[in-house]
C-alpha atoms as a PDB file:
ATOM      1  CA  MET A   1     123.673  96.943 110.462  1.00  0.00           C
ATOM      2  CA  LYS A   2     123.225  97.547 106.720  1.00  0.00           C
ATOM      3  CA  VAL A   3     119.675  98.330 105.866  1.00  0.00           C
ATOM      4  CA  LEU A   4     118.124  98.896 102.438  1.00  0.00           C
ATOM      5  CA  VAL A   5     115.087 101.185 102.317  1.00  0.00           C
ATOM      6  CA  THR A   6     112.894 101.309  99.317  1.00  0.00           C
ATOM      7  CA  GLY A   7     110.693 104.307  98.352  1.00  0.00           C
ATOM      8  CA  VAL A   8     113.247 106.868  99.684  1.00  0.00           C
ATOM      9  CA  LYS A   9     111.760 109.725  97.723  1.00  0.00           C
ATOM     10  CA  GLY A  10     108.367 109.330  99.782  1.00  0.00           C
ATOM     11  CA  GLN A  11     107.340 110.603 103.203  1.00  0.00           C
ATOM     12  CA  LEU A  12     108.325 107.472 105.224  1.00  0.00           C
ATOM     13  CA  GLY A  13     111.237 106.216 103.374  1.00  0.00           C
ATOM     14  CA  HIS A  14     113.012 109.424 103.659  1.00  0.00           C
ATOM     15  CA  ASP A  15     112.417 109.528 107.422  1.00  0.00           C
ATOM     16  CA  VAL A  16     113.621 105.967 108.000  1.00  0.00           C
ATOM     17  CA  VAL A  17     116.782 106.502 106.203  1.00  0.00           C
ATOM     18  CA  GLN A  18     117.409 109.574 108.395  1.00  0.00           C
ATOM     19  CA  GLN A  19     116.624 107.617 111.514  1.00  0.00           C
ATOM     20  CA  LEU A  20     119.003 104.768 110.573  1.00  0.00           C
ATOM     21  CA  HIS A  21     121.879 107.200 109.918  1.00  0.00           C
ATOM     22  CA  LEU A  22     121.117 108.827 113.494  1.00  0.00           C
ATOM     23  CA  ARG A  23     121.596 105.471 115.133  1.00  0.00           C
ATOM     24  CA  GLY A  24     124.943 104.668 113.307  1.00  0.00           C
ATOM     25  CA  HIS A  25     123.470 102.121 110.879  1.00  0.00           C
ATOM     26  CA  GLU A  26     124.485 102.008 107.086  1.00  0.00           C
ATOM     27  CA  ALA A  27     121.304 102.959 105.315  1.00  0.00           C
ATOM     28  CA  VAL A  28     120.948 102.643 101.583  1.00  0.00           C
ATOM     29  CA  GLY A  29     117.919 104.511 100.121  1.00  0.00           C
ATOM     30  CA  VAL A  30     116.581 103.489  96.760  1.00  0.00           C
ATOM     31  CA  ASP A  31     113.723 104.593  94.491  1.00  0.00           C
ATOM     32  CA  ILE A  32     112.724 103.594  91.013  1.00  0.00           C
ATOM     33  CA  GLU A  33     115.773 104.940  89.536  1.00  0.00           C
ATOM     34  CA  GLU A  34     118.041 102.746  91.475  1.00  0.00           C
ATOM     35  CA  MET A  35     115.927  99.689  91.693  1.00  0.00           C
ATOM     36  CA  ASP A  36     112.562  99.165  89.909  1.00  0.00           C
ATOM     37  CA  ILE A  37     110.830  96.788  92.296  1.00  0.00           C
ATOM     38  CA  THR A  38     108.676  95.529  89.321  1.00  0.00           C
ATOM     39  CA  ASP A  39     111.703  94.166  87.672  1.00  0.00           C
ATOM     40  CA  GLN A  40     112.428  90.837  89.332  1.00  0.00           C
ATOM     41  CA  GLN A  41     115.921  90.494  87.980  1.00  0.00           C
ATOM     42  CA  ALA A  42     116.857  94.096  88.968  1.00  0.00           C
ATOM     43  CA  VAL A  43     115.604  93.457  92.537  1.00  0.00           C
ATOM     44  CA  LYS A  44     117.552  90.107  92.803  1.00  0.00           C
ATOM     45  CA  THR A  45     120.738  91.613  91.399  1.00  0.00           C
ATOM     46  CA  LEU A  46     120.858  94.756  93.643  1.00  0.00           C
ATOM     47  CA  LEU A  47     119.754  93.075  96.890  1.00  0.00           C
ATOM     48  CA  SER A  48     122.077  90.129  96.277  1.00  0.00           C
ATOM     49  CA  ALA A  49     125.014  92.532  95.653  1.00  0.00           C
ATOM     50  CA  LEU A  50     124.294  94.743  98.556  1.00  0.00           C
ATOM     51  CA  SER A  51     123.428  91.801 101.030  1.00  0.00           C
ATOM     52  CA  PRO A  52     121.760  93.953 103.586  1.00  0.00           C
ATOM     53  CA  ASP A  53     120.873  92.691 107.088  1.00  0.00           C
ATOM     54  CA  ALA A  54     117.354  94.052 106.583  1.00  0.00           C
ATOM     55  CA  VAL A  55     115.012  95.660 104.097  1.00  0.00           C
ATOM     56  CA  VAL A  56     112.531  98.321 104.983  1.00  0.00           C
ATOM     57  CA  HIS A  57     110.068  98.216 102.153  1.00  0.00           C
ATOM     58  CA  CYS A  58     108.206 101.599 101.983  1.00  0.00           C
ATOM     59  CA  ALA A  59     107.767 101.843  98.205  1.00  0.00           C
ATOM     60  CA  ALA A  60     104.136 101.446  97.052  1.00  0.00           C
ATOM     61  CA  TRP A  61     101.409 102.874  94.753  1.00  0.00           C
ATOM     62  CA  THR A  62      99.351 104.971  97.219  1.00  0.00           C
ATOM     63  CA  ALA A  63      97.149 106.955  94.898  1.00  0.00           C
ATOM     64  CA  VAL A  64      93.940 105.160  96.012  1.00  0.00           C
ATOM     65  CA  ASP A  65      91.456 106.690  93.486  1.00  0.00           C
ATOM     66  CA  ALA A  66      93.852 106.321  90.544  1.00  0.00           C
ATOM     67  CA  ALA A  67      94.352 102.753  91.456  1.00  0.00           C
ATOM     68  CA  GLU A  68      90.690 102.084  90.571  1.00  0.00           C
ATOM     69  CA  GLU A  69      91.272 103.152  86.851  1.00  0.00           C
ATOM     70  CA  LYS A  70      91.417 100.105  84.741  1.00  0.00           C
ATOM     71  CA  SER A  71      94.481 101.463  82.844  1.00  0.00           C
ATOM     72  CA  ASN A  72      96.399 101.340  86.140  1.00  0.00           C
ATOM     73  CA  ALA A  73      95.224  98.056  87.552  1.00  0.00           C
ATOM     74  CA  ASP A  74      98.155  95.936  86.320  1.00  0.00           C
ATOM     75  CA  LYS A  75     100.652  98.578  87.276  1.00  0.00           C
ATOM     76  CA  VAL A  76      99.220  98.890  90.817  1.00  0.00           C
ATOM     77  CA  ARG A  77      99.426  95.115  91.272  1.00  0.00           C
ATOM     78  CA  ALA A  78     103.020  95.036  89.851  1.00  0.00           C
ATOM     79  CA  ILE A  79     104.108  97.611  92.445  1.00  0.00           C
ATOM     80  CA  ASN A  80     102.182  96.637  95.463  1.00  0.00           C
ATOM     81  CA  ALA A  81     101.942  92.906  95.189  1.00  0.00           C
ATOM     82  CA  LEU A  82     104.545  91.505  92.698  1.00  0.00           C
ATOM     83  CA  GLY A  83     107.299  94.008  93.667  1.00  0.00           C
ATOM     84  CA  THR A  84     106.776  93.009  97.271  1.00  0.00           C
ATOM     85  CA  LYS A  85     107.002  89.420  96.283  1.00  0.00           C
ATOM     86  CA  TYR A  86     110.271  89.896  94.466  1.00  0.00           C
ATOM     87  CA  ILE A  87     111.895  91.689  97.518  1.00  0.00           C
ATOM     88  CA  ALA A  88     110.478  88.895  99.856  1.00  0.00           C
ATOM     89  CA  GLU A  89     111.987  86.191  97.656  1.00  0.00           C
ATOM     90  CA  THR A  90     115.339  87.732  97.569  1.00  0.00           C
ATOM     91  CA  CYS A  91     115.201  88.379 101.328  1.00  0.00           C
ATOM     92  CA  LYS A  92     114.684  84.661 101.807  1.00  0.00           C
ATOM     93  CA  ASN A  93     117.610  83.894  99.638  1.00  0.00           C
ATOM     94  CA  ILE A  94     120.063  86.104 101.362  1.00  0.00           C
ATOM     95  CA  GLY A  95     118.637  85.438 104.936  1.00  0.00           C
ATOM     96  CA  CYS A  96     117.757  89.099 105.739  1.00  0.00           C
ATOM     97  CA  LYS A  97     114.926  90.576 107.725  1.00  0.00           C
ATOM     98  CA  MET A  98     112.148  92.510 105.932  1.00  0.00           C
ATOM     99  CA  VAL A  99     109.746  95.194 107.159  1.00  0.00           C
ATOM    100  CA  TYR A 100     106.687  95.670 104.964  1.00  0.00           C
ATOM    101  CA  ILE A 101     104.507  98.744 105.337  1.00  0.00           C
ATOM    102  CA  SER A 102     100.867  98.004 104.854  1.00  0.00           C
ATOM    103  CA  THR A 103      97.405  99.515 105.573  1.00  0.00           C
ATOM    104  CA  ASP A 104      94.120  99.333 107.319  1.00  0.00           C
ATOM    105  CA  TYR A 105      92.666  99.110 103.778  1.00  0.00           C
ATOM    106  CA  VAL A 106      93.248  95.369 103.957  1.00  0.00           C
ATOM    107  CA  PHE A 107      89.946  95.298 106.081  1.00  0.00           C
ATOM    108  CA  ASP A 108      86.441  96.237 105.055  1.00  0.00           C
ATOM    109  CA  GLY A 109      86.357  99.427 107.290  1.00  0.00           C
ATOM    110  CA  THR A 110      82.967  98.626 108.970  1.00  0.00           C
ATOM    111  CA  GLY A 111      81.918  98.898 112.660  1.00  0.00           C
ATOM    112  CA  GLU A 112      83.638 100.734 115.447  1.00  0.00           C
ATOM    113  CA  THR A 113      85.860  98.050 116.915  1.00  0.00           C
ATOM    114  CA  PRO A 114      89.545  98.637 116.436  1.00  0.00           C
ATOM    115  CA  TRP A 115      91.311  96.159 113.983  1.00  0.00           C
ATOM    116  CA  THR A 116      93.921  93.984 115.787  1.00  0.00           C
ATOM    117  CA  PRO A 117      97.135  93.101 114.028  1.00  0.00           C
ATOM    118  CA  ASP A 118      96.440  89.360 113.826  1.00  0.00           C
ATOM    119  CA  CYS A 119      92.817  89.715 112.634  1.00  0.00           C
ATOM    120  CA  LYS A 120      92.322  87.691 109.472  1.00  0.00           C
ATOM    121  CA  ALA A 121      88.957  88.952 108.461  1.00  0.00           C
ATOM    122  CA  TYR A 122      90.383  90.485 105.241  1.00  0.00           C
ATOM    123  CA  ALA A 123      87.928  92.242 102.893  1.00  0.00           C
ATOM    124  CA  PRO A 124      89.595  95.078 101.044  1.00  0.00           C
ATOM    125  CA  LEU A 125      87.076  97.692  99.601  1.00  0.00           C
ATOM    126  CA  ASN A 126      89.260  98.808  96.676  1.00  0.00           C
ATOM    127  CA  HIS A 127      92.050  97.705  94.345  1.00  0.00           C
ATOM    128  CA  TYR A 128      94.708  99.493  96.333  1.00  0.00           C
ATOM    129  CA  GLY A 129      93.623  97.545  99.506  1.00  0.00           C
ATOM    130  CA  GLN A 130      93.462  94.268  97.663  1.00  0.00           C
ATOM    131  CA  THR A 131      97.068  94.625  96.173  1.00  0.00           C
ATOM    132  CA  LYS A 132      98.582  95.662  99.525  1.00  0.00           C
ATOM    133  CA  LEU A 133      96.930  92.497 101.071  1.00  0.00           C
ATOM    134  CA  GLU A 134      98.465  90.372  98.313  1.00  0.00           C
ATOM    135  CA  GLY A 135     101.832  91.941  99.363  1.00  0.00           C
ATOM    136  CA  GLU A 136     101.268  90.953 102.854  1.00  0.00           C
ATOM    137  CA  GLU A 137     100.488  87.572 101.879  1.00  0.00           C
ATOM    138  CA  TYR A 138     103.658  87.080  99.823  1.00  0.00           C
ATOM    139  CA  VAL A 139     105.811  88.355 102.767  1.00  0.00           C
ATOM    140  CA  SER A 140     104.058  86.202 105.362  1.00  0.00           C
ATOM    141  CA  SER A 141     104.195  83.017 103.258  1.00  0.00           C
ATOM    142  CA  LEU A 142     107.717  83.390 101.996  1.00  0.00           C
ATOM    143  CA  LEU A 143     109.553  84.635 105.201  1.00  0.00           C
ATOM    144  CA  GLU A 144     109.893  83.822 108.768  1.00  0.00           C
ATOM    145  CA  LYS A 145     111.953  87.052 109.664  1.00  0.00           C
ATOM    146  CA  TYR A 146     109.461  89.661 108.848  1.00  0.00           C
ATOM    147  CA  PHE A 147     107.413  92.599 110.260  1.00  0.00           C
ATOM    148  CA  ILE A 148     104.265  93.575 108.697  1.00  0.00           C
ATOM    149  CA  VAL A 149     103.297  97.073 109.901  1.00  0.00           C
ATOM    150  CA  ARG A 150      99.927  98.456 109.119  1.00  0.00           C
ATOM    151  CA  ILE A 151      99.432 102.290 109.331  1.00  0.00           C
ATOM    152  CA  ALA A 152      96.890 104.871 108.410  1.00  0.00           C
ATOM    153  CA  TRP A 153      96.427 108.700 107.704  1.00  0.00           C
ATOM    154  CA  VAL A 154     100.082 109.173 106.947  1.00  0.00           C
ATOM    155  CA  PHE A 155     101.901 112.610 107.013  1.00  0.00           C
ATOM    156  CA  GLY A 156     105.407 113.600 106.783  1.00  0.00           C
ATOM    157  CA  GLU A 157     107.663 116.387 105.519  1.00  0.00           C
ATOM    158  CA  ASN A 158     108.768 114.805 102.298  1.00  0.00           C
ATOM    159  CA  GLY A 159     105.621 114.696 100.207  1.00  0.00           C
ATOM    160  CA  ASN A 160     101.923 115.637 100.042  1.00  0.00           C
ATOM    161  CA  ASN A 161      99.442 114.914 102.838  1.00  0.00           C
ATOM    162  CA  PHE A 162      96.227 115.840 104.463  1.00  0.00           C
ATOM    163  CA  ILE A 163      97.633 118.464 106.757  1.00  0.00           C
ATOM    164  CA  LYS A 164      99.443 120.334 103.830  1.00  0.00           C
ATOM    165  CA  THR A 165      96.330 120.147 101.708  1.00  0.00           C
ATOM    166  CA  MET A 166      94.222 121.722 104.527  1.00  0.00           C
ATOM    167  CA  LEU A 167      96.704 124.452 105.101  1.00  0.00           C
ATOM    168  CA  ASN A 168      96.730 125.278 101.360  1.00  0.00           C
ATOM    169  CA  LEU A 169      92.946 125.168 101.131  1.00  0.00           C
ATOM    170  CA  GLY A 170      92.638 127.228 104.342  1.00  0.00           C
ATOM    171  CA  LYS A 171      94.570 130.045 102.780  1.00  0.00           C
ATOM    172  CA  LYS A 172      92.113 130.245  99.996  1.00  0.00           C
ATOM    173  CA  TYR A 173      88.710 129.452 101.443  1.00  0.00           C
ATOM    174  CA  GLU A 174      87.053 130.719 104.740  1.00  0.00           C
ATOM    175  CA  THR A 175      84.950 127.529 104.887  1.00  0.00           C
ATOM    176  CA  LEU A 176      85.749 123.895 104.100  1.00  0.00           C
ATOM    177  CA  ARG A 177      83.642 120.721 104.003  1.00  0.00           C
ATOM    178  CA  VAL A 178      85.356 117.852 105.633  1.00  0.00           C
ATOM    179  CA  VAL A 179      83.942 114.199 106.136  1.00  0.00           C
ATOM    180  CA  CYS A 180      83.033 113.320 109.700  1.00  0.00           C
ATOM    181  CA  ASP A 181      82.071 109.701 109.423  1.00  0.00           C
ATOM    182  CA  GLN A 182      85.438 108.143 108.555  1.00  0.00           C
ATOM    183  CA  VAL A 183      87.374 107.472 111.859  1.00  0.00           C
ATOM    184  CA  GLY A 184      90.990 106.624 112.630  1.00  0.00           C
ATOM    185  CA  THR A 185      94.288 108.088 113.908  1.00  0.00           C
ATOM    186  CA  PRO A 186      97.102 109.960 112.036  1.00  0.00           C
ATOM    187  CA  THR A 187     100.555 108.570 111.682  1.00  0.00           C
ATOM    188  CA  TYR A 188     103.606 110.895 111.694  1.00  0.00           C
ATOM    189  CA  THR A 189     106.416 109.378 109.504  1.00  0.00           C
ATOM    190  CA  TYR A 190     109.110 110.947 111.816  1.00  0.00           C
ATOM    191  CA  ASP A 191     107.685 109.043 114.902  1.00  0.00           C
ATOM    192  CA  LEU A 192     106.901 105.909 112.823  1.00  0.00           C
ATOM    193  CA  SER A 193     110.512 105.793 111.581  1.00  0.00           C
ATOM    194  CA  LYS A 194     111.920 105.493 115.124  1.00  0.00           C
ATOM    195  CA  LEU A 195     109.699 102.467 115.702  1.00  0.00           C
ATOM    196  CA  LEU A 196     110.622 100.784 112.463  1.00  0.00           C
ATOM    197  CA  VAL A 197     114.309 101.063 113.301  1.00  0.00           C
ATOM    198  CA  ASP A 198     113.369  99.623 116.753  1.00  0.00           C
ATOM    199  CA  MET A 199     111.877  96.713 115.016  1.00  0.00           C
ATOM    200  CA  VAL A 200     114.728  96.156 112.576  1.00  0.00           C
ATOM    201  CA  GLU A 201     117.129  96.131 115.691  1.00  0.00           C
ATOM    202  CA  SER A 202     115.057  93.357 117.194  1.00  0.00           C
ATOM    203  CA  GLU A 203     113.715  89.785 116.408  1.00  0.00           C
ATOM    204  CA  LYS A 204     110.160  90.426 117.502  1.00  0.00           C
ATOM    205  CA  TYR A 205     108.667  89.414 114.222  1.00  0.00           C
ATOM    206  CA  GLY A 206     105.004  89.407 113.087  1.00  0.00           C
ATOM    207  CA  TYR A 207     102.135  91.687 112.479  1.00  0.00           C
ATOM    208  CA  TYR A 208     101.924  95.126 114.127  1.00  0.00           C
ATOM    209  CA  HIS A 209      99.630  98.192 113.895  1.00  0.00           C
ATOM    210  CA  ALA A 210     101.370 101.570 114.389  1.00  0.00           C
ATOM    211  CA  THR A 211      99.725 105.011 114.428  1.00  0.00           C
ATOM    212  CA  ASN A 212     100.114 107.953 116.750  1.00  0.00           C
ATOM    213  CA  GLU A 213      98.384 107.668 120.176  1.00  0.00           C
ATOM    214  CA  GLY A 214      95.820 110.305 121.303  1.00  0.00           C
ATOM    215  CA  GLY A 215      92.483 108.696 120.524  1.00  0.00           C
ATOM    216  CA  TYR A 216      90.551 108.020 117.468  1.00  0.00           C
ATOM    217  CA  ILE A 217      89.160 111.075 115.390  1.00  0.00           C
ATOM    218  CA  SER A 218      87.305 111.854 112.226  1.00  0.00           C
ATOM    219  CA  TRP A 219      88.936 113.721 109.255  1.00  0.00           C
ATOM    220  CA  TYR A 220      86.738 116.668 110.494  1.00  0.00           C
ATOM    221  CA  GLU A 221      88.148 116.673 113.846  1.00  0.00           C
ATOM    222  CA  PHE A 222      91.601 116.303 112.558  1.00  0.00           C
ATOM    223  CA  ALA A 223      90.960 119.338 110.206  1.00  0.00           C
ATOM    224  CA  CYS A 224      89.636 121.431 113.174  1.00  0.00           C
ATOM    225  CA  GLU A 225      92.783 120.761 115.176  1.00  0.00           C
ATOM    226  CA  ILE A 226      95.040 121.539 112.248  1.00  0.00           C
ATOM    227  CA  PHE A 227      93.273 124.991 111.831  1.00  0.00           C
ATOM    228  CA  ARG A 228      93.310 125.548 115.679  1.00  0.00           C
ATOM    229  CA  GLN A 229      97.009 124.813 116.081  1.00  0.00           C
ATOM    230  CA  ALA A 230      98.020 126.669 112.944  1.00  0.00           C
ATOM    231  CA  GLY A 231      96.041 129.759 113.999  1.00  0.00           C
ATOM    232  CA  TYR A 232      93.717 129.775 110.859  1.00  0.00           C
ATOM    233  CA  ALA A 233      90.251 131.218 111.102  1.00  0.00           C
ATOM    234  CA  THR A 234      88.961 128.675 108.512  1.00  0.00           C
ATOM    235  CA  GLN A 235      85.619 127.292 109.477  1.00  0.00           C
ATOM    236  CA  VAL A 236      85.190 123.423 109.023  1.00  0.00           C
ATOM    237  CA  VAL A 237      81.690 122.092 108.227  1.00  0.00           C
ATOM    238  CA  PRO A 238      81.174 118.320 108.966  1.00  0.00           C
ATOM    239  CA  VAL A 239      79.677 116.370 106.291  1.00  0.00           C
ATOM    240  CA  THR A 240      78.969 112.611 105.660  1.00  0.00           C
ATOM    241  CA  THR A 241      80.932 110.650 103.086  1.00  0.00           C
ATOM    242  CA  ALA A 242      77.685 110.380 101.051  1.00  0.00           C
ATOM    243  CA  GLU A 243      77.148 114.240 101.226  1.00  0.00           C
ATOM    244  CA  TYR A 244      80.818 115.059 100.275  1.00  0.00           C
ATOM    245  CA  GLY A 245      80.450 113.109  97.042  1.00  0.00           C
ATOM    246  CA  VAL A 246      81.499 109.901  95.527  1.00  0.00           C
ATOM    247  CA  SER A 247      85.109 109.032  95.079  1.00  0.00           C
ATOM    248  CA  LYS A 248      86.425 106.376  92.470  1.00  0.00           C
ATOM    249  CA  ALA A 249      87.515 104.282  95.446  1.00  0.00           C
ATOM    250  CA  LYS A 250      85.499 103.319  98.431  1.00  0.00           C
ATOM    251  CA  ARG A 251      86.947 104.496 101.662  1.00  0.00           C
ATOM    252  CA  PRO A 252      86.946 102.742 105.099  1.00  0.00           C
ATOM    253  CA  PHE A 253      84.630 104.302 107.758  1.00  0.00           C
ATOM    254  CA  ASN A 254      86.635 102.424 110.495  1.00  0.00           C
ATOM    255  CA  SER A 255      90.257 102.866 110.357  1.00  0.00           C
ATOM    256  CA  ARG A 256      90.830 102.337 114.046  1.00  0.00           C
ATOM    257  CA  LEU A 257      93.952 100.182 114.614  1.00  0.00           C
ATOM    258  CA  ASP A 258      94.612  98.402 117.881  1.00  0.00           C
ATOM    259  CA  LYS A 259      98.291  98.996 118.902  1.00  0.00           C
ATOM    260  CA  GLU A 260      98.330  96.918 122.117  1.00  0.00           C
ATOM    261  CA  LYS A 261     100.647  94.393 120.568  1.00  0.00           C
ATOM    262  CA  LEU A 262     103.433  96.962 120.419  1.00  0.00           C
ATOM    263  CA  THR A 263     103.351  97.340 124.211  1.00  0.00           C
ATOM    264  CA  GLN A 264     103.238  93.446 124.638  1.00  0.00           C
ATOM    265  CA  ALA A 265     106.212  93.038 122.563  1.00  0.00           C
ATOM    266  CA  GLY A 266     108.157  95.790 124.419  1.00  0.00           C
ATOM    267  CA  PHE A 267     108.238  98.444 121.727  1.00  0.00           C
ATOM    268  CA  GLU A 268     107.625 102.184 122.568  1.00  0.00           C
ATOM    269  CA  ARG A 269     104.449 103.514 121.083  1.00  0.00           C
ATOM    270  CA  LEU A 270     104.279 106.766 119.198  1.00  0.00           C
ATOM    271  CA  PRO A 271     103.551 110.053 120.840  1.00  0.00           C
ATOM    272  CA  THR A 272      99.945 111.477 120.534  1.00  0.00           C
ATOM    273  CA  TRP A 273      98.820 112.757 117.186  1.00  0.00           C
ATOM    274  CA  GLN A 274      98.127 116.166 118.690  1.00  0.00           C
ATOM    275  CA  ASP A 275     101.822 116.493 119.768  1.00  0.00           C
ATOM    276  CA  ALA A 276     102.908 115.090 116.434  1.00  0.00           C
ATOM    277  CA  LEU A 277     100.771 117.769 114.612  1.00  0.00           C
ATOM    278  CA  HIS A 278     102.360 120.413 116.699  1.00  0.00           C
ATOM    279  CA  ARG A 279     105.952 119.277 115.898  1.00  0.00           C
ATOM    280  CA  PHE A 280     105.124 118.927 112.222  1.00  0.00           C
ATOM    281  CA  LEU A 281     103.650 122.447 111.980  1.00  0.00           C
ATOM    282  CA  GLN A 282     106.668 123.750 113.590  1.00  0.00           C
ATOM    283  CA  LYS A 283     108.833 122.017 110.992  1.00  0.00           C
ATOM    284  CA  LEU A 284     106.805 123.410 108.107  1.00  0.00           C
ATOM    285  CA  GLU A 285     107.187 126.899 109.567  1.00  0.00           C
ATOM    286  CA  GLY A 286     110.765 126.337 110.143  1.00  0.00           C
END
């Protein structure tokens, strides 16, 4: 199988390419230098020439606060929404599958009930979430052979993330304040990449949620476990989002994602986030 992966320089795109290679597939990884997804003709030309069996679309604008700046608004939409549209249009024309990586930010982040994959109560809190939702809508309206996979709290080797930030801060400060009223589950890109390749190898299309197992936690609880496993003496003080201070973009309080649909479709769910954290820390030390 020949698979094109966008955003190969990012945490997830890098791991998906590696996983495809491990399974004997032909993986072509691209980033902005090879294919600017905001250039409709460039997308059409490269994809048509390559004629892949599937596209795993990982490329996105993910700087949530920067997305709120007016000067970035059009660029964020061009990447997250229109770029996704151009890829979906070409996938339709050449008859290939598409995997679109999305986010819990398409919902309003209220309550405590986990969001289900087929829930349509969309109400993004910020521009990032709105543009990712627009990307979803392009994919679902243009294609039949698609997977829309929502993830949250992503971490991987090939990029910056919460774990790396905590470890760096933990070396500098004895005490850190971390929010305790935003709840979700982390997603390790190495584990997720395996599931995405499972999906590409199947025809079980639709909307899915995919984060690691192990229960729902707050960022505060995540930080505590990071320092415990890393052997740091750093003290973590729980604070509310209001106490922590206002960020440019509103953040969801409820990032809980229901993953039961993975089981129903016969996909193997991800290991626990505690185990994922352990393996990730070992790789960082490695």
